[in-house]
């Protein structure tokens, strides 16, 4: 890795949640959607 490389990350969040009735990524987690929360937290690293 060169001195100018930035770290990369991948957030895996998928699958139709048949019991919940909507995709898992869009389920509420606190006051935000699960996927949005994951991306926000990863962006802090």
PDB file of N, CA and C in Angstrom:
ATOM      1  N   UNK A   1       0.842  -1.163   0.000  1.00  0.00           N
ATOM      2  CA  UNK A   1       0.000   0.000   0.000  1.00  0.00           C
ATOM      3  C   UNK A   1       0.896   1.238   0.000  1.00  0.00           C
ATOM      4  N   UNK A   2       0.625   2.169  -0.885  1.00  0.00           N
ATOM      5  CA  UNK A   2       1.426   3.389  -0.939  1.00  0.00           C
ATOM      6  C   UNK A   2       0.992   4.364   0.153  1.00  0.00           C
ATOM      7  N   UNK A   3       1.772   5.404   0.330  1.00  0.00           N
ATOM      8  CA  UNK A   3       1.476   6.398   1.370  1.00  0.00           C
ATOM      9  C   UNK A   3       0.185   7.146   1.086  1.00  0.00           C
ATOM     10  N   UNK A   4      -0.298   7.095  -0.155  1.00  0.00           N
ATOM     11  CA  UNK A   4      -1.498   7.842  -0.527  1.00  0.00           C
ATOM     12  C   UNK A   4      -2.745   6.968  -0.618  1.00  0.00           C
ATOM     13  N   UNK A   5      -2.631   5.720  -0.296  1.00  0.00           N
ATOM     14  CA  UNK A   5      -3.784   4.826  -0.372  1.00  0.00           C
ATOM     15  C   UNK A   5      -4.730   5.076   0.795  1.00  0.00           C
ATOM     16  N   UNK A   6      -5.997   4.988   0.510  1.00  0.00           N
ATOM     17  CA  UNK A   6      -7.014   5.122   1.544  1.00  0.00           C
ATOM     18  C   UNK A   6      -7.568   3.748   1.885  1.00  0.00           C
ATOM     19  N   UNK A   7      -7.913   3.518   3.123  1.00  0.00           N
ATOM     20  CA  UNK A   7      -8.521   2.230   3.468  1.00  0.00           C
ATOM     21  C   UNK A   7      -9.888   2.109   2.803  1.00  0.00           C
ATOM     22  N   UNK A   8     -10.256   0.896   2.502  1.00  0.00           N
ATOM     23  CA  UNK A   8     -11.551   0.634   1.879  1.00  0.00           C
ATOM     24  C   UNK A   8     -12.343  -0.304   2.765  1.00  0.00           C
ATOM     25  N   UNK A   9     -13.627  -0.222   2.663  1.00  0.00           N
ATOM     26  CA  UNK A   9     -14.481  -1.146   3.409  1.00  0.00           C
ATOM     27  C   UNK A   9     -15.711  -1.470   2.576  1.00  0.00           C
ATOM     28  N   UNK A  10     -16.283  -2.603   2.877  1.00  0.00           N
ATOM     29  CA  UNK A  10     -17.493  -3.057   2.206  1.00  0.00           C
ATOM     30  C   UNK A  10     -18.498  -3.399   3.289  1.00  0.00           C
ATOM     31  N   UNK A  11     -19.689  -2.856   3.163  1.00  0.00           N
ATOM     32  CA  UNK A  11     -20.757  -3.165   4.114  1.00  0.00           C
ATOM     33  C   UNK A  11     -21.687  -4.159   3.431  1.00  0.00           C
ATOM     34  N   UNK A  12     -21.713  -5.382   3.949  1.00  0.00           N
ATOM     35  CA  UNK A  12     -22.588  -6.414   3.396  1.00  0.00           C
ATOM     36  C   UNK A  12     -23.902  -6.391   4.164  1.00  0.00           C
ATOM     37  N   UNK A  13     -24.928  -6.039   3.476  1.00  0.00           N
ATOM     38  CA  UNK A  13     -26.233  -5.943   4.132  1.00  0.00           C
ATOM     39  C   UNK A  13     -27.285  -6.241   3.078  1.00  0.00           C
ATOM     40  N   UNK A  14     -27.781  -7.439   3.081  1.00  0.00           N
ATOM     41  CA  UNK A  14     -28.741  -7.791   2.055  1.00  0.00           C
ATOM     42  C   UNK A  14     -29.665  -8.894   2.500  1.00  0.00           C
ATOM     43  N   UNK A  15     -30.573  -9.198   1.673  1.00  0.00           N
ATOM     44  CA  UNK A  15     -31.510 -10.275   1.938  1.00  0.00           C
ATOM     45  C   UNK A  15     -32.893  -9.757   2.260  1.00  0.00           C
ATOM     46  N   UNK A  16     -33.872 -10.394   1.688  1.00  0.00           N
ATOM     47  CA  UNK A  16     -35.260 -10.051   1.967  1.00  0.00           C
ATOM     48  C   UNK A  16     -35.643 -10.692   3.287  1.00  0.00           C
ATOM     49  N   UNK A  17     -36.072  -9.927   4.205  1.00  0.00           N
ATOM     50  CA  UNK A  17     -36.472 -10.443   5.507  1.00  0.00           C
ATOM     51  C   UNK A  17     -37.961 -10.772   5.458  1.00  0.00           C
ATOM     52  N   UNK A  18     -38.269 -12.018   5.202  1.00  0.00           N
ATOM     53  CA  UNK A  18     -39.677 -12.398   5.037  1.00  0.00           C
ATOM     54  C   UNK A  18     -40.480 -12.216   6.319  1.00  0.00           C
ATOM     55  N   UNK A  19     -39.866 -12.391   7.468  1.00  0.00           N
ATOM     56  CA  UNK A  19     -40.585 -12.196   8.732  1.00  0.00           C
ATOM     57  C   UNK A  19     -40.816 -10.723   9.043  1.00  0.00           C
ATOM     58  N   UNK A  20     -39.910  -9.871   8.600  1.00  0.00           N
ATOM     59  CA  UNK A  20     -40.031  -8.437   8.876  1.00  0.00           C
ATOM     60  C   UNK A  20     -40.833  -7.708   7.801  1.00  0.00           C
ATOM     61  N   UNK A  21     -40.931  -8.302   6.608  1.00  0.00           N
ATOM     62  CA  UNK A  21     -41.732  -7.714   5.552  1.00  0.00           C
ATOM     63  C   UNK A  21     -41.031  -6.672   4.691  1.00  0.00           C
ATOM     64  N   UNK A  22     -39.754  -6.448   4.902  1.00  0.00           N
ATOM     65  CA  UNK A  22     -38.987  -5.511   4.077  1.00  0.00           C
ATOM     66  C   UNK A  22     -37.513  -5.878   4.163  1.00  0.00           C
ATOM     67  N   UNK A  23     -36.703  -5.363   3.244  1.00  0.00           N
ATOM     68  CA  UNK A  23     -35.273  -5.697   3.260  1.00  0.00           C
ATOM     69  C   UNK A  23     -34.614  -5.333   4.591  1.00  0.00           C
ATOM     70  N   UNK A  24     -33.699  -6.173   5.017  1.00  0.00           N
ATOM     71  CA  UNK A  24     -33.021  -5.968   6.308  1.00  0.00           C
ATOM     72  C   UNK A  24     -32.272  -4.643   6.362  1.00  0.00           C
ATOM     73  N   UNK A  25     -31.729  -4.207   5.255  1.00  0.00           N
ATOM     74  CA  UNK A  25     -30.956  -2.963   5.230  1.00  0.00           C
ATOM     75  C   UNK A  25     -31.793  -1.760   5.646  1.00  0.00           C
ATOM     76  N   UNK A  26     -33.093  -1.818   5.417  1.00  0.00           N
ATOM     77  CA  UNK A  26     -33.960  -0.669   5.702  1.00  0.00           C
ATOM     78  C   UNK A  26     -34.668  -0.774   7.042  1.00  0.00           C
ATOM     79  N   UNK A  27     -34.374  -1.795   7.825  1.00  0.00           N
ATOM     80  CA  UNK A  27     -35.006  -1.922   9.139  1.00  0.00           C
ATOM     81  C   UNK A  27     -34.505  -0.827  10.075  1.00  0.00           C
ATOM     82  N   UNK A  28     -35.374  -0.352  10.957  1.00  0.00           N
ATOM     83  CA  UNK A  28     -34.947   0.689  11.894  1.00  0.00           C
ATOM     84  C   UNK A  28     -33.952   0.151  12.916  1.00  0.00           C
ATOM     85  N   UNK A  29     -32.987   0.974  13.236  1.00  0.00           N
ATOM     86  CA  UNK A  29     -31.998   0.649  14.267  1.00  0.00           C
ATOM     87  C   UNK A  29     -31.790   1.941  15.043  1.00  0.00           C
ATOM     88  N   UNK A  30     -32.411   2.050  16.187  1.00  0.00           N
ATOM     89  CA  UNK A  30     -32.397   3.318  16.903  1.00  0.00           C
ATOM     90  C   UNK A  30     -33.218   4.321  16.120  1.00  0.00           C
ATOM     91  N   UNK A  31     -32.636   5.466  15.840  1.00  0.00           N
ATOM     92  CA  UNK A  31     -33.374   6.498  15.109  1.00  0.00           C
ATOM     93  C   UNK A  31     -32.981   6.585  13.634  1.00  0.00           C
ATOM     94  N   UNK A  32     -32.332   5.544  13.105  1.00  0.00           N
ATOM     95  CA  UNK A  32     -31.947   5.544  11.698  1.00  0.00           C
ATOM     96  C   UNK A  32     -32.063   4.139  11.122  1.00  0.00           C
ATOM     97  N   UNK A  33     -31.954   4.038   9.804  1.00  0.00           N
ATOM     98  CA  UNK A  33     -32.006   2.731   9.165  1.00  0.00           C
ATOM     99  C   UNK A  33     -30.685   2.003   9.375  1.00  0.00           C
ATOM    100  N   UNK A  34     -30.776   0.671   9.424  1.00  0.00           N
ATOM    101  CA  UNK A  34     -29.611  -0.162   9.720  1.00  0.00           C
ATOM    102  C   UNK A  34     -28.437   0.121   8.778  1.00  0.00           C
ATOM    103  N   UNK A  35     -28.692   0.127   7.474  1.00  0.00           N
ATOM    104  CA  UNK A  35     -27.606   0.343   6.514  1.00  0.00           C
ATOM    105  C   UNK A  35     -26.995   1.729   6.672  1.00  0.00           C
ATOM    106  N   UNK A  36     -27.817   2.738   6.845  1.00  0.00           N
ATOM    107  CA  UNK A  36     -27.293   4.102   7.027  1.00  0.00           C
ATOM    108  C   UNK A  36     -26.407   4.183   8.266  1.00  0.00           C
ATOM    109  N   UNK A  37     -26.815   3.498   9.323  1.00  0.00           N
ATOM    110  CA  UNK A  37     -26.013   3.500  10.553  1.00  0.00           C
ATOM    111  C   UNK A  37     -24.660   2.834  10.316  1.00  0.00           C
ATOM    112  N   UNK A  38     -24.666   1.689   9.626  1.00  0.00           N
ATOM    113  CA  UNK A  38     -23.411   0.981   9.340  1.00  0.00           C
ATOM    114  C   UNK A  38     -22.468   1.850   8.526  1.00  0.00           C
ATOM    115  N   UNK A  39     -22.978   2.477   7.486  1.00  0.00           N
ATOM    116  CA  UNK A  39     -22.141   3.322   6.636  1.00  0.00           C
ATOM    117  C   UNK A  39     -21.620   4.516   7.423  1.00  0.00           C
ATOM    118  N   UNK A  40     -22.449   5.111   8.250  1.00  0.00           N
ATOM    119  CA  UNK A  40     -22.021   6.257   9.054  1.00  0.00           C
ATOM    120  C   UNK A  40     -20.897   5.860  10.005  1.00  0.00           C
ATOM    121  N   UNK A  41     -21.051   4.720  10.668  1.00  0.00           N
ATOM    122  CA  UNK A  41     -20.031   4.283  11.616  1.00  0.00           C
ATOM    123  C   UNK A  41     -18.725   3.900  10.924  1.00  0.00           C
ATOM    124  N   UNK A  42     -18.814   3.258   9.772  1.00  0.00           N
ATOM    125  CA  UNK A  42     -17.605   2.891   9.029  1.00  0.00           C
ATOM    126  C   UNK A  42     -16.881   4.151   8.548  1.00  0.00           C
ATOM    127  N   UNK A  43     -17.626   5.174   8.199  1.00  0.00           N
ATOM    128  CA  UNK A  43     -16.991   6.405   7.703  1.00  0.00           C
ATOM    129  C   UNK A  43     -16.209   7.135   8.788  1.00  0.00           C
ATOM    130  N   UNK A  44     -16.439   6.804  10.048  1.00  0.00           N
ATOM    131  CA  UNK A  44     -15.711   7.429  11.147  1.00  0.00           C
ATOM    132  C   UNK A  44     -14.320   6.830  11.346  1.00  0.00           C
ATOM    133  N   UNK A  45     -14.092   5.660  10.763  1.00  0.00           N
ATOM    134  CA  UNK A  45     -12.818   4.956  10.958  1.00  0.00           C
ATOM    135  C   UNK A  45     -11.763   5.491  10.019  1.00  0.00           C
TER     136      UNK A  45
END
